């Protein structure tokens, strides 16, 4: 089964499924080898990024980042004012 976009509404999804069933879906364009290599290397860089950053940070810096994130998520700006 081919991948379908996740942002389709119900009617678009139904049409996509029917097109798949009767074979009217256009074939996906092939990605050339150079682009595949670039995509993979970019993905690998993204997978390495968090570990590399965490390795460079001191425990105090990590704590400050975590406190800032927690404050952004659960700070006073999220409370409902009456």
Foldseek 3Di string as FASTA:
>chain_A
DDDDDPPDDPVVVVVVVVCVVVVNDDDDDDDDPVVVVVVVVVVVCVVCVVVVVVVPDDPVVVVVVVVVVCCVVPNPVPDDDD
